[in-house]
Amino acid sequence: MPTASLTEYLFFSGLLFAIGLSGVIIRRNIIVIFMCLELMLAAASLTLVAFSRANLVNGLPDYDGQMLVFFIITVAAAEVAVGLAIIVALYRARKTISTDDLTSLKN
């Protein structure tokens, strides 16, 4: 079974990041924007793991990047909890999740 090269991983990561960035810029639904931000975070994690696997130290992969991904996953879980709580609070206050209707901080 052939393994993918570093270039293929970086291309896929860049593609994921571009999809996430375009979703953040184009979409108006706050939940979709939130999911696109998570997609961008996953693309960054994939890049860290790809570089970690490509960097060999004494013939073994350098696991520093992969350990950093565990911290990223932990922060992402906390971000999801706080972000969804904010989205639910906004929906309860405004009865909408469209960013066009959430431009003002006033009620």
N, C-alpha and C. Protein backbone atom coordinates (compact mmCIF):
# COMPACT_ATOMS: atom_id res chain seq x y z
N MET A 1 0.84 -1.18 0.00
CA MET A 1 0.00 0.00 0.00
C MET A 1 0.89 1.24 0.00
N PRO A 2 0.81 2.06 -1.05
CA PRO A 2 1.67 3.24 -1.13
C PRO A 2 1.21 4.32 -0.15
N THR A 3 2.17 5.02 0.42
CA THR A 3 1.84 6.11 1.33
C THR A 3 1.88 7.43 0.58
N ALA A 4 1.13 8.38 1.08
CA ALA A 4 1.09 9.70 0.45
C ALA A 4 2.34 10.49 0.82
N SER A 5 2.77 11.33 -0.09
CA SER A 5 3.96 12.14 0.16
C SER A 5 3.57 13.41 0.93
N LEU A 6 4.57 14.11 1.39
CA LEU A 6 4.34 15.36 2.12
C LEU A 6 3.62 16.37 1.24
N THR A 7 3.96 16.40 -0.03
CA THR A 7 3.31 17.34 -0.95
C THR A 7 1.81 17.07 -1.06
N GLU A 8 1.43 15.81 -1.11
CA GLU A 8 0.01 15.47 -1.21
C GLU A 8 -0.74 15.87 0.07
N TYR A 9 -0.11 15.64 1.22
CA TYR A 9 -0.74 16.06 2.48
C TYR A 9 -0.90 17.58 2.54
N LEU A 10 0.13 18.30 2.13
CA LEU A 10 0.06 19.76 2.16
C LEU A 10 -0.95 20.30 1.15
N PHE A 11 -1.05 19.66 0.00
CA PHE A 11 -2.06 20.07 -0.98
C PHE A 11 -3.46 19.87 -0.42
N PHE A 12 -3.70 18.71 0.19
CA PHE A 12 -5.01 18.43 0.77
C PHE A 12 -5.31 19.38 1.92
N SER A 13 -4.32 19.66 2.74
CA SER A 13 -4.50 20.59 3.85
C SER A 13 -4.80 21.99 3.33
N GLY A 14 -4.09 22.42 2.31
CA GLY A 14 -4.36 23.72 1.71
C GLY A 14 -5.74 23.80 1.10
N LEU A 15 -6.18 22.71 0.49
CA LEU A 15 -7.52 22.65 -0.08
C LEU A 15 -8.58 22.76 1.01
N LEU A 16 -8.40 22.01 2.11
CA LEU A 16 -9.33 22.10 3.24
C LEU A 16 -9.37 23.52 3.81
N PHE A 17 -8.19 24.12 3.96
CA PHE A 17 -8.14 25.48 4.50
C PHE A 17 -8.83 26.47 3.57
N ALA A 18 -8.63 26.31 2.27
CA ALA A 18 -9.26 27.21 1.29
C ALA A 18 -10.78 27.05 1.31
N ILE A 19 -11.27 25.82 1.44
CA ILE A 19 -12.71 25.60 1.53
C ILE A 19 -13.27 26.25 2.79
N GLY A 20 -12.56 26.09 3.91
CA GLY A 20 -13.00 26.71 5.16
C GLY A 20 -12.98 28.22 5.08
N LEU A 21 -11.92 28.78 4.50
CA LEU A 21 -11.82 30.24 4.39
C LEU A 21 -12.91 30.80 3.48
N SER A 22 -13.17 30.12 2.38
CA SER A 22 -14.23 30.59 1.48
C SER A 22 -15.60 30.48 2.16
N GLY A 23 -15.80 29.46 2.98
CA GLY A 23 -17.05 29.35 3.71
C GLY A 23 -17.23 30.46 4.73
N VAL A 24 -16.15 30.85 5.38
CA VAL A 24 -16.22 31.95 6.35
C VAL A 24 -16.52 33.26 5.65
N ILE A 25 -15.92 33.46 4.48
CA ILE A 25 -16.10 34.73 3.77
C ILE A 25 -17.46 34.81 3.08
N ILE A 26 -17.92 33.72 2.49
CA ILE A 26 -19.12 33.75 1.65
C ILE A 26 -20.41 33.55 2.43
N ARG A 27 -20.43 32.61 3.34
CA ARG A 27 -21.68 32.21 3.99
C ARG A 27 -22.17 33.25 4.99
N ARG A 28 -23.48 33.24 5.24
CA ARG A 28 -24.10 34.18 6.18
C ARG A 28 -24.71 33.47 7.39
N ASN A 29 -24.73 32.16 7.38
CA ASN A 29 -25.27 31.40 8.51
C ASN A 29 -24.17 31.22 9.54
N ILE A 30 -24.43 31.61 10.78
CA ILE A 30 -23.38 31.61 11.79
C ILE A 30 -22.92 30.19 12.14
N ILE A 31 -23.79 29.22 12.02
CA ILE A 31 -23.41 27.83 12.30
C ILE A 31 -22.48 27.30 11.21
N VAL A 32 -22.76 27.64 9.97
CA VAL A 32 -21.90 27.22 8.86
C VAL A 32 -20.53 27.90 8.97
N ILE A 33 -20.52 29.16 9.36
CA ILE A 33 -19.25 29.87 9.57
C ILE A 33 -18.46 29.19 10.67
N PHE A 34 -19.12 28.79 11.73
CA PHE A 34 -18.47 28.11 12.85
C PHE A 34 -17.87 26.78 12.39
N MET A 35 -18.61 26.02 11.58
CA MET A 35 -18.09 24.76 11.07
C MET A 35 -16.91 24.98 10.13
N CYS A 36 -16.94 26.04 9.35
CA CYS A 36 -15.83 26.34 8.45
C CYS A 36 -14.58 26.73 9.24
N LEU A 37 -14.75 27.42 10.35
CA LEU A 37 -13.61 27.72 11.22
C LEU A 37 -12.99 26.44 11.77
N GLU A 38 -13.83 25.49 12.14
CA GLU A 38 -13.33 24.20 12.62
C GLU A 38 -12.62 23.44 11.51
N LEU A 39 -13.10 23.58 10.28
CA LEU A 39 -12.44 22.94 9.13
C LEU A 39 -11.05 23.54 8.92
N MET A 40 -10.93 24.85 9.10
CA MET A 40 -9.63 25.49 8.98
C MET A 40 -8.68 25.02 10.08
N LEU A 41 -9.20 24.82 11.27
CA LEU A 41 -8.38 24.31 12.37
C LEU A 41 -7.93 22.88 12.09
N ALA A 42 -8.79 22.07 11.50
CA ALA A 42 -8.42 20.70 11.14
C ALA A 42 -7.34 20.70 10.05
N ALA A 43 -7.42 21.65 9.12
CA ALA A 43 -6.40 21.75 8.07
C ALA A 43 -5.04 22.10 8.67
N ALA A 44 -5.03 22.99 9.65
CA ALA A 44 -3.78 23.34 10.31
C ALA A 44 -3.22 22.15 11.07
N SER A 45 -4.09 21.37 11.71
CA SER A 45 -3.65 20.18 12.42
C SER A 45 -3.06 19.15 11.46
N LEU A 46 -3.69 18.98 10.31
CA LEU A 46 -3.18 18.05 9.31
C LEU A 46 -1.79 18.47 8.83
N THR A 47 -1.58 19.76 8.67
CA THR A 47 -0.26 20.26 8.27
C THR A 47 0.78 19.95 9.33
N LEU A 48 0.43 20.16 10.60
CA LEU A 48 1.37 19.85 11.68
C LEU A 48 1.74 18.38 11.70
N VAL A 49 0.76 17.52 11.54
CA VAL A 49 1.04 16.08 11.54
C VAL A 49 1.87 15.68 10.33
N ALA A 50 1.59 16.28 9.17
CA ALA A 50 2.35 15.95 7.96
C ALA A 50 3.81 16.34 8.12
N PHE A 51 4.06 17.54 8.63
CA PHE A 51 5.45 17.96 8.84
C PHE A 51 6.12 17.14 9.93
N SER A 52 5.36 16.75 10.93
CA SER A 52 5.91 15.93 12.00
C SER A 52 6.35 14.57 11.47
N ARG A 53 5.56 13.99 10.60
CA ARG A 53 5.90 12.68 10.03
C ARG A 53 7.05 12.78 9.03
N ALA A 54 7.18 13.93 8.37
CA ALA A 54 8.24 14.08 7.37
C ALA A 54 9.59 14.38 8.01
N ASN A 55 9.59 14.98 9.19
CA ASN A 55 10.83 15.35 9.87
C ASN A 55 11.34 14.14 10.66
N LEU A 56 12.39 13.54 10.19
CA LEU A 56 12.94 12.35 10.85
C LEU A 56 14.08 12.75 11.79
N VAL A 57 14.06 12.17 12.99
CA VAL A 57 15.13 12.36 13.97
C VAL A 57 15.65 10.97 14.32
N ASN A 58 16.88 10.70 13.95
CA ASN A 58 17.49 9.38 14.17
C ASN A 58 16.67 8.26 13.53
N GLY A 59 16.09 8.53 12.37
CA GLY A 59 15.33 7.52 11.65
C GLY A 59 13.89 7.37 12.10
N LEU A 60 13.49 8.10 13.14
CA LEU A 60 12.11 8.04 13.64
C LEU A 60 11.43 9.38 13.43
N PRO A 61 10.10 9.37 13.26
CA PRO A 61 9.40 10.65 13.09
C PRO A 61 9.51 11.49 14.35
N ASP A 62 9.55 12.80 14.15
CA ASP A 62 9.55 13.75 15.26
C ASP A 62 8.09 13.96 15.68
N TYR A 63 7.77 13.57 16.90
CA TYR A 63 6.37 13.59 17.34
C TYR A 63 5.95 14.90 17.99
N ASP A 64 6.76 15.94 17.92
CA ASP A 64 6.40 17.21 18.54
C ASP A 64 5.15 17.82 17.91
N GLY A 65 5.06 17.78 16.59
CA GLY A 65 3.88 18.32 15.91
C GLY A 65 2.62 17.54 16.24
N GLN A 66 2.76 16.22 16.37
CA GLN A 66 1.59 15.41 16.70
C GLN A 66 1.13 15.65 18.14
N MET A 67 2.07 15.93 19.02
CA MET A 67 1.68 16.26 20.39
C MET A 67 0.97 17.61 20.44
N LEU A 68 1.41 18.55 19.60
CA LEU A 68 0.75 19.84 19.54
C LEU A 68 -0.68 19.70 19.03
N VAL A 69 -0.93 18.73 18.17
CA VAL A 69 -2.29 18.50 17.66
C VAL A 69 -3.23 18.10 18.79
N PHE A 70 -2.74 17.35 19.78
CA PHE A 70 -3.60 17.01 20.92
C PHE A 70 -4.04 18.26 21.67
N PHE A 71 -3.15 19.22 21.82
CA PHE A 71 -3.52 20.48 22.46
C PHE A 71 -4.51 21.26 21.60
N ILE A 72 -4.33 21.22 20.29
CA ILE A 72 -5.25 21.90 19.38
C ILE A 72 -6.64 21.27 19.48
N ILE A 73 -6.71 19.95 19.56
CA ILE A 73 -8.00 19.28 19.69
C ILE A 73 -8.67 19.66 21.00
N THR A 74 -7.89 19.77 22.07
CA THR A 74 -8.44 20.17 23.36
C THR A 74 -8.99 21.59 23.31
N VAL A 75 -8.23 22.49 22.71
CA VAL A 75 -8.69 23.87 22.58
C VAL A 75 -9.92 23.93 21.67
N ALA A 76 -9.95 23.14 20.63
CA ALA A 76 -11.10 23.11 19.72
C ALA A 76 -12.35 22.62 20.43
N ALA A 77 -12.20 21.65 21.32
CA ALA A 77 -13.37 21.17 22.08
C ALA A 77 -13.91 22.28 22.98
N ALA A 78 -13.02 23.01 23.62
CA ALA A 78 -13.47 24.13 24.46
C ALA A 78 -14.09 25.23 23.60
N GLU A 79 -13.51 25.46 22.43
CA GLU A 79 -14.05 26.46 21.52
C GLU A 79 -15.46 26.10 21.06
N VAL A 80 -15.67 24.82 20.79
CA VAL A 80 -17.00 24.37 20.37
C VAL A 80 -18.02 24.59 21.48
N ALA A 81 -17.64 24.27 22.70
CA ALA A 81 -18.57 24.45 23.83
C ALA A 81 -18.93 25.93 24.01
N VAL A 82 -17.94 26.80 24.01
CA VAL A 82 -18.19 28.23 24.20
C VAL A 82 -18.89 28.81 22.98
N GLY A 83 -18.44 28.45 21.79
CA GLY A 83 -19.04 28.98 20.57
C GLY A 83 -20.51 28.60 20.42
N LEU A 84 -20.82 27.34 20.68
CA LEU A 84 -22.23 26.93 20.58
C LEU A 84 -23.08 27.59 21.65
N ALA A 85 -22.52 27.82 22.83
CA ALA A 85 -23.27 28.53 23.87
C ALA A 85 -23.56 29.97 23.43
N ILE A 86 -22.61 30.61 22.79
CA ILE A 86 -22.83 31.97 22.29
C ILE A 86 -23.86 31.97 21.17
N ILE A 87 -23.79 30.99 20.28
CA ILE A 87 -24.76 30.90 19.19
C ILE A 87 -26.17 30.68 19.74
N VAL A 88 -26.32 29.81 20.72
CA VAL A 88 -27.64 29.56 21.32
C VAL A 88 -28.15 30.82 22.01
N ALA A 89 -27.27 31.55 22.71
CA ALA A 89 -27.68 32.79 23.37
C ALA A 89 -28.11 33.84 22.34
N LEU A 90 -27.37 33.95 21.25
CA LEU A 90 -27.77 34.88 20.19
C LEU A 90 -29.10 34.50 19.57
N TYR A 91 -29.30 33.21 19.36
CA TYR A 91 -30.56 32.77 18.76
C TYR A 91 -31.73 33.05 19.70
N ARG A 92 -31.53 32.82 20.98
CA ARG A 92 -32.61 33.10 21.94
C ARG A 92 -32.93 34.58 22.01
N ALA A 93 -31.93 35.42 21.89
CA ALA A 93 -32.16 36.87 21.98
C ALA A 93 -32.72 37.45 20.69
N ARG A 94 -32.25 36.99 19.54
CA ARG A 94 -32.62 37.60 18.26
C ARG A 94 -33.54 36.75 17.39
N LYS A 95 -33.67 35.46 17.69
CA LYS A 95 -34.49 34.53 16.90
C LYS A 95 -34.00 34.39 15.46
N THR A 96 -32.69 34.52 15.26
CA THR A 96 -32.09 34.34 13.94
C THR A 96 -30.64 33.92 14.10
N ILE A 97 -30.12 33.24 13.07
CA ILE A 97 -28.70 32.88 13.07
C ILE A 97 -28.01 33.45 11.84
N SER A 98 -28.64 34.39 11.17
CA SER A 98 -28.05 35.04 10.01
C SER A 98 -27.15 36.18 10.48
N THR A 99 -25.95 36.26 9.92
CA THR A 99 -25.03 37.31 10.34
C THR A 99 -25.48 38.69 9.86
N ASP A 100 -26.32 38.76 8.84
CA ASP A 100 -26.83 40.05 8.39
C ASP A 100 -27.70 40.69 9.45
N ASP A 101 -28.41 39.87 10.22
CA ASP A 101 -29.30 40.39 11.27
C ASP A 101 -28.57 40.59 12.59
N LEU A 102 -27.34 40.14 12.69
CA LEU A 102 -26.59 40.24 13.94
C LEU A 102 -25.47 41.27 13.86
N THR A 103 -25.67 42.31 13.08
CA THR A 103 -24.61 43.31 12.91
C THR A 103 -24.56 44.32 14.05
N SER A 104 -25.61 44.44 14.81
CA SER A 104 -25.68 45.42 15.89
C SER A 104 -25.63 44.71 17.23
N LEU A 105 -25.00 45.33 18.21
CA LEU A 105 -24.95 44.74 19.54
C LEU A 105 -26.16 45.14 20.38
N LYS A 106 -27.01 46.02 19.84
CA LYS A 106 -28.20 46.43 20.57
C LYS A 106 -29.33 45.43 20.34
N ASN A 107 -30.30 45.40 21.25
CA ASN A 107 -31.47 44.51 21.10
C ASN A 107 -32.43 45.06 20.12
